[in-house]
């Protein structure tokens, strides 16, 4: 049976020679993302900053302007209404009410009473500022723990140098994706945190595939310099990388374009994560091994990073 290949078997791209360009691109992405993060900040969703969220579906297409006018007499302050998914589905967001959780819960009930009959409530909840702060803390903690466990697994499964390279690469992917959320002003909520955790796992999976093949080549071709082995390994796994990334992106694209407001943050972060994760695992993760202590290949042998001439050039 003939396997599908997106790149020729004899592909011989010199990835290592482009490592400086890749590092510059990486730094620029981090600078832009972190700059937006510290200047604009994240557009915190109700999950984290507190407020009221009502996801409702009507029996017929909803006139958003008329619905906004209908809710104004309730005196709930800032009200945001968006259509998403279908013309019958709306997302109503209301600012946090003075009086805490009790006032927020009463506001939810008053919204339902004002809307009347014919509505199906997919989600209707009030989140207080205390709960929101706790959710944000838990989200950050979950991300940090995930990155730490990923690093520990890679370091245990291979060598500590691989763990460091995987940590830097995965941390880079998460930060750059977080920067994208800040740049575009997308709402940062629990769904976004889930997307960041998902792309962290996706990114390290591709990196581990390359590291596993590199470890085999280190033992098989002990006389070859690490630069040549990294190029050989990356080229050998390139078809698999492109096929996996491409099929995953194809599965996400319909949800990104047709999923509406409810899914755009989640799918947008994942799509960007697929792109940036493929870039980092191909150009960044393995190249970082050149600047770490030599890798042990077994039986006391070690693989040096750059040849003498290349070290001077780098």
Protein backbone atom coordinates (compact mmCIF):
# COMPACT_ATOMS: atom_id res chain seq x y z
CA UNK A 1 0.00 0.00 0.00
CA UNK A 2 1.39 3.37 -1.03
CA UNK A 3 1.49 5.95 1.76
CA UNK A 4 0.44 9.56 1.18
CA UNK A 5 3.46 11.87 1.19
CA UNK A 6 3.22 15.64 1.02
CA UNK A 7 6.95 16.08 0.44
CA UNK A 8 9.37 14.00 -1.70
CA UNK A 9 11.29 11.23 0.03
CA UNK A 10 14.63 12.73 -1.02
CA UNK A 11 13.90 16.14 0.53
CA UNK A 12 17.11 17.62 1.92
CA UNK A 13 16.33 21.05 3.40
CA UNK A 14 19.08 22.62 5.49
CA UNK A 15 16.97 23.64 8.49
CA UNK A 16 19.92 24.29 10.78
CA UNK A 17 21.41 26.95 8.48
CA UNK A 18 18.16 28.91 8.90
CA UNK A 19 18.17 28.68 12.69
CA UNK A 20 19.25 32.31 13.22
CA UNK A 21 16.40 33.54 11.02
CA UNK A 22 14.01 31.25 12.92
CA UNK A 23 15.26 32.60 16.26
CA UNK A 24 14.78 36.20 15.04
CA UNK A 25 11.21 35.42 13.94
CA UNK A 26 10.57 33.77 17.31
CA UNK A 27 11.85 36.79 19.23
CA UNK A 28 9.82 39.21 17.08
CA UNK A 29 6.63 37.22 17.65
CA UNK A 30 7.30 37.21 21.39
CA UNK A 31 8.05 40.95 21.46
CA UNK A 32 4.88 41.85 19.55
CA UNK A 33 2.73 39.48 21.60
CA UNK A 34 4.15 40.44 24.97
CA UNK A 35 4.06 44.12 24.01
CA UNK A 36 0.32 43.85 23.33
CA UNK A 37 -0.14 41.83 26.50
CA UNK A 38 1.48 44.47 28.72
CA UNK A 39 0.10 47.55 26.92
CA UNK A 40 -3.43 46.48 25.94
CA UNK A 41 -3.81 43.61 28.35
CA UNK A 42 -6.20 40.71 27.91
CA UNK A 43 -9.87 41.24 27.19
CA UNK A 44 -11.04 39.28 30.20
CA UNK A 45 -14.31 37.44 29.72
CA UNK A 46 -17.07 37.10 32.24
CA UNK A 47 -15.53 33.82 33.38
CA UNK A 48 -12.66 35.80 34.93
CA UNK A 49 -13.82 39.36 35.60
CA UNK A 50 -17.34 38.55 36.71
CA UNK A 51 -20.68 39.46 35.17
CA UNK A 52 -23.70 37.87 33.56
CA UNK A 53 -23.84 35.64 30.51
CA UNK A 54 -27.03 34.38 28.87
CA UNK A 55 -26.81 32.09 25.83
CA UNK A 56 -30.34 31.76 24.44
CA UNK A 57 -32.14 30.49 21.34
CA UNK A 58 -35.47 31.83 20.10
CA UNK A 59 -38.07 30.11 17.95
CA UNK A 60 -37.47 32.58 15.09
CA UNK A 61 -34.64 34.87 13.90
CA UNK A 62 -33.74 37.49 16.54
CA UNK A 63 -33.59 41.24 15.87
CA UNK A 64 -30.53 42.16 17.96
CA UNK A 65 -31.27 45.90 17.95
CA UNK A 66 -34.86 45.37 19.08
CA UNK A 67 -33.72 42.96 21.78
CA UNK A 68 -31.21 45.49 23.08
CA UNK A 69 -33.93 48.13 23.24
CA UNK A 70 -36.17 45.66 25.06
CA UNK A 71 -33.53 45.04 27.76
CA UNK A 72 -32.55 48.69 28.34
CA UNK A 73 -35.40 49.46 30.82
CA UNK A 74 -33.98 46.82 33.19
CA UNK A 75 -31.20 49.25 34.12
CA UNK A 76 -28.48 46.61 34.21
CA UNK A 77 -25.77 48.88 32.83
CA UNK A 78 -23.65 47.88 29.85
CA UNK A 79 -25.38 45.19 27.77
CA UNK A 80 -23.75 43.44 24.81
CA UNK A 81 -25.82 41.27 22.47
CA UNK A 82 -24.33 39.20 19.65
CA UNK A 83 -25.76 36.74 17.17
CA UNK A 84 -23.73 33.61 16.60
CA UNK A 85 -24.18 30.21 15.07
CA UNK A 86 -27.69 30.81 13.73
CA UNK A 87 -30.01 33.80 13.39
CA UNK A 88 -32.08 32.40 16.27
CA UNK A 89 -29.16 32.17 18.72
CA UNK A 90 -27.90 35.16 20.72
CA UNK A 91 -25.32 35.76 23.43
CA UNK A 92 -26.28 38.37 26.01
CA UNK A 93 -23.48 39.80 28.17
CA UNK A 94 -24.17 42.15 31.05
CA UNK A 95 -21.66 43.88 33.32
CA UNK A 96 -21.25 42.83 36.92
CA UNK A 97 -23.98 44.18 39.15
CA UNK A 98 -23.41 46.14 42.33
CA UNK A 99 -24.24 43.86 45.20
CA UNK A 100 -22.20 40.84 44.22
CA UNK A 101 -23.43 37.34 43.48
CA UNK A 102 -26.94 37.93 44.80
CA UNK A 103 -27.49 40.96 42.56
CA UNK A 104 -26.07 39.11 39.56
CA UNK A 105 -28.40 36.15 40.12
CA UNK A 106 -31.40 38.51 40.35
CA UNK A 107 -30.30 40.18 37.11
CA UNK A 108 -30.30 36.79 35.33
CA UNK A 109 -33.86 36.15 36.47
CA UNK A 110 -34.99 39.63 35.41
CA UNK A 111 -33.50 39.08 31.93
CA UNK A 112 -35.37 35.80 31.55
CA UNK A 113 -38.59 37.40 32.73
CA UNK A 114 -38.13 40.31 30.32
CA UNK A 115 -37.49 38.04 27.34
CA UNK A 116 -40.72 36.16 27.93
CA UNK A 117 -41.70 32.83 26.41
CA UNK A 118 -40.35 31.03 23.38
CA UNK A 119 -36.72 31.07 24.51
CA UNK A 120 -34.44 28.11 25.20
CA UNK A 121 -31.55 28.89 27.55
CA UNK A 122 -28.39 27.03 26.61
CA UNK A 123 -26.41 28.80 29.29
CA UNK A 124 -27.50 31.38 31.84
CA UNK A 125 -25.20 32.19 34.72
CA UNK A 126 -23.72 34.91 36.88
CA UNK A 127 -20.06 34.92 37.86
CA UNK A 128 -18.92 37.03 40.79
CA UNK A 129 -15.51 38.76 40.89
CA UNK A 130 -14.24 36.43 43.60
CA UNK A 131 -15.12 33.34 41.58
CA UNK A 132 -13.65 34.95 38.46
CA UNK A 133 -10.33 35.66 40.19
CA UNK A 134 -10.20 32.08 41.48
CA UNK A 135 -10.92 30.72 37.98
CA UNK A 136 -8.13 32.87 36.52
CA UNK A 137 -5.69 31.64 39.16
CA UNK A 138 -6.70 28.03 38.48
CA UNK A 139 -6.34 28.52 34.73
CA UNK A 140 -2.81 29.89 35.08
CA UNK A 141 -1.90 27.13 37.51
CA UNK A 142 -3.26 24.46 35.15
CA UNK A 143 -1.15 25.82 32.28
CA UNK A 144 2.04 25.96 34.38
CA UNK A 145 1.52 22.44 35.73
CA UNK A 146 0.87 21.11 32.21
CA UNK A 147 4.11 22.66 30.92
CA UNK A 148 6.06 21.32 33.91
CA UNK A 149 4.72 17.78 33.47
CA UNK A 150 5.42 17.87 29.74
CA UNK A 151 9.01 18.90 30.45
CA UNK A 152 9.43 16.21 33.10
CA UNK A 153 8.11 13.53 30.74
CA UNK A 154 10.42 14.52 27.88
CA UNK A 155 13.44 14.79 30.21
CA UNK A 156 12.68 11.34 31.66
CA UNK A 157 11.84 9.74 28.31
CA UNK A 158 14.96 11.11 26.58
CA UNK A 159 17.62 13.29 28.26
CA UNK A 160 17.40 16.52 30.19
CA UNK A 161 18.63 18.51 27.18
CA UNK A 162 15.57 17.36 25.24
CA UNK A 163 13.38 18.40 28.17
CA UNK A 164 14.83 21.91 28.22
CA UNK A 165 14.40 22.27 24.44
CA UNK A 166 10.81 21.00 24.63
CA UNK A 167 10.00 23.37 27.52
CA UNK A 168 11.36 26.42 25.68
CA UNK A 169 9.59 25.46 22.46
CA UNK A 170 6.23 24.74 24.13
CA UNK A 171 6.42 27.80 26.39
CA UNK A 172 7.14 29.85 23.27
CA UNK A 173 4.05 28.46 21.52
CA UNK A 174 1.80 29.23 24.49
CA UNK A 175 3.15 32.78 24.95
CA UNK A 176 2.93 33.62 21.24
CA UNK A 177 -0.64 32.30 21.11
CA UNK A 178 -1.52 34.31 24.22
CA UNK A 179 0.01 37.32 22.50
CA UNK A 180 -2.27 36.77 19.50
CA UNK A 181 -5.30 36.89 21.81
CA UNK A 182 -4.06 40.22 23.20
CA UNK A 183 -3.25 41.69 19.76
CA UNK A 184 -6.66 40.82 18.27
CA UNK A 185 -8.56 41.70 21.43
CA UNK A 186 -10.26 38.31 21.59
CA UNK A 187 -12.05 37.53 24.80
CA UNK A 188 -9.90 35.58 27.22
CA UNK A 189 -12.04 33.02 29.02
CA UNK A 190 -11.97 29.40 30.18
CA UNK A 191 -12.40 28.24 26.58
CA UNK A 192 -9.22 30.11 25.65
CA UNK A 193 -7.35 28.43 28.50
CA UNK A 194 -8.55 25.05 27.22
CA UNK A 195 -7.26 25.95 23.75
CA UNK A 196 -3.84 26.92 25.16
CA UNK A 197 -3.58 23.63 27.04
CA UNK A 198 -4.61 21.74 23.91
CA UNK A 199 -2.03 23.41 21.70
CA UNK A 200 0.67 22.82 24.34
CA UNK A 201 0.00 19.10 24.12
CA UNK A 202 -0.23 19.22 20.33
CA UNK A 203 3.05 21.12 20.01
CA UNK A 204 5.04 18.82 22.27
CA UNK A 205 3.65 15.77 20.48
CA UNK A 206 5.24 16.88 17.21
CA UNK A 207 8.46 17.79 19.02
CA UNK A 208 8.64 14.37 20.67
CA UNK A 209 8.26 12.64 17.28
CA UNK A 210 11.28 14.53 15.97
CA UNK A 211 13.27 13.95 19.18
CA UNK A 212 12.56 10.22 19.09
CA UNK A 213 13.85 9.91 15.52
CA UNK A 214 16.84 12.10 16.39
CA UNK A 215 17.74 9.83 19.32
CA UNK A 216 17.68 6.82 16.96
CA UNK A 217 19.93 8.62 14.50
CA UNK A 218 22.31 9.65 17.29
CA UNK A 219 22.87 5.98 18.12
CA UNK A 220 22.98 4.87 14.50
CA UNK A 221 25.29 7.53 13.05
CA UNK A 222 27.73 8.26 15.86
CA UNK A 223 30.36 9.81 13.59
CA UNK A 224 28.08 12.44 12.08
CA UNK A 225 27.86 15.93 13.60
CA UNK A 226 24.68 16.87 15.40
CA UNK A 227 23.85 19.55 12.81
CA UNK A 228 23.72 16.95 10.04
CA UNK A 229 21.69 14.55 12.18
CA UNK A 230 19.12 17.23 13.01
CA UNK A 231 18.69 18.08 9.33
CA UNK A 232 18.39 14.39 8.45
CA UNK A 233 15.82 13.79 11.19
CA UNK A 234 13.71 16.85 10.42
CA UNK A 235 13.58 16.02 6.71
CA UNK A 236 12.65 12.41 7.47
CA UNK A 237 9.71 13.47 9.65
CA UNK A 238 8.66 16.46 7.53
CA UNK A 239 5.97 14.60 5.57
CA UNK A 240 4.41 13.29 8.77
CA UNK A 241 4.54 16.77 10.34
CA UNK A 242 2.88 18.46 7.36
CA UNK A 243 0.23 15.76 7.02
CA UNK A 244 -0.69 15.88 10.71
CA UNK A 245 -0.78 19.69 10.85
CA UNK A 246 -2.70 19.96 7.60
CA UNK A 247 -5.42 17.46 8.49
CA UNK A 248 -5.86 18.96 11.96
CA UNK A 249 -6.18 22.45 10.48
CA UNK A 250 -8.74 21.22 7.93
CA UNK A 251 -10.85 19.82 10.76
CA UNK A 252 -10.72 23.11 12.68
CA UNK A 253 -11.33 25.53 9.78
CA UNK A 254 -15.08 24.83 9.42
CA UNK A 255 -15.60 25.49 13.13
CA UNK A 256 -13.57 28.71 12.88
CA UNK A 257 -15.63 30.12 10.00
CA UNK A 258 -19.03 28.65 10.86
CA UNK A 259 -18.91 28.24 14.64
CA UNK A 260 -19.71 31.87 15.33
CA UNK A 261 -18.75 33.99 18.31
CA UNK A 262 -18.88 31.06 20.72
CA UNK A 263 -16.05 29.17 19.00
CA UNK A 264 -13.91 31.79 17.29
CA UNK A 265 -11.54 32.25 20.24
CA UNK A 266 -11.10 28.52 20.80
CA UNK A 267 -10.62 27.58 17.14
CA UNK A 268 -8.57 30.70 16.35
CA UNK A 269 -6.05 29.93 19.09
CA UNK A 270 -5.82 26.30 17.97
CA UNK A 271 -5.28 27.23 14.29
CA UNK A 272 -2.56 29.69 15.21
CA UNK A 273 -1.10 27.14 17.61
CA UNK A 274 -0.93 24.52 14.83
CA UNK A 275 1.02 26.93 12.64
CA UNK A 276 3.37 28.23 15.30
CA UNK A 277 3.79 24.77 16.86
CA UNK A 278 4.83 23.29 13.52
CA UNK A 279 7.29 26.15 13.04
CA UNK A 280 8.84 25.79 16.50
CA UNK A 281 9.13 22.00 16.40
CA UNK A 282 10.73 22.16 12.94
CA UNK A 283 13.09 25.12 13.31
CA UNK A 284 13.48 25.93 17.01
CA UNK A 285 13.27 22.90 19.32
CA UNK A 286 15.99 20.74 17.72
CA UNK A 287 18.23 23.72 16.99
CA UNK A 288 18.29 24.58 20.70
CA UNK A 289 20.12 21.29 21.33
CA UNK A 290 23.17 22.78 19.59
CA UNK A 291 23.58 25.28 22.41
CA UNK A 292 23.15 22.82 25.28
CA UNK A 293 25.74 20.40 26.74
CA UNK A 294 26.54 17.42 24.44
CA UNK A 295 24.00 14.61 24.25
CA UNK A 296 24.98 11.17 25.49
CA UNK A 297 24.45 8.44 22.91
CA UNK A 298 25.11 5.44 25.13
CA UNK A 299 28.28 3.56 26.11
CA UNK A 300 29.96 6.78 27.15
CA UNK A 301 29.77 8.42 23.71
CA UNK A 302 28.53 11.97 23.35
CA UNK A 303 27.24 13.97 20.41
CA UNK A 304 28.76 17.42 20.12
CA UNK A 305 26.71 20.35 18.94
CA UNK A 306 28.29 22.45 16.23
CA UNK A 307 31.45 21.51 14.35
CA UNK A 308 34.38 23.81 15.05
CA UNK A 309 33.88 25.84 11.87
CA UNK A 310 30.16 26.15 12.45
CA UNK A 311 30.63 27.32 16.04
CA UNK A 312 32.69 30.24 14.84
CA UNK A 313 30.09 31.13 12.22
CA UNK A 314 27.21 30.87 14.70
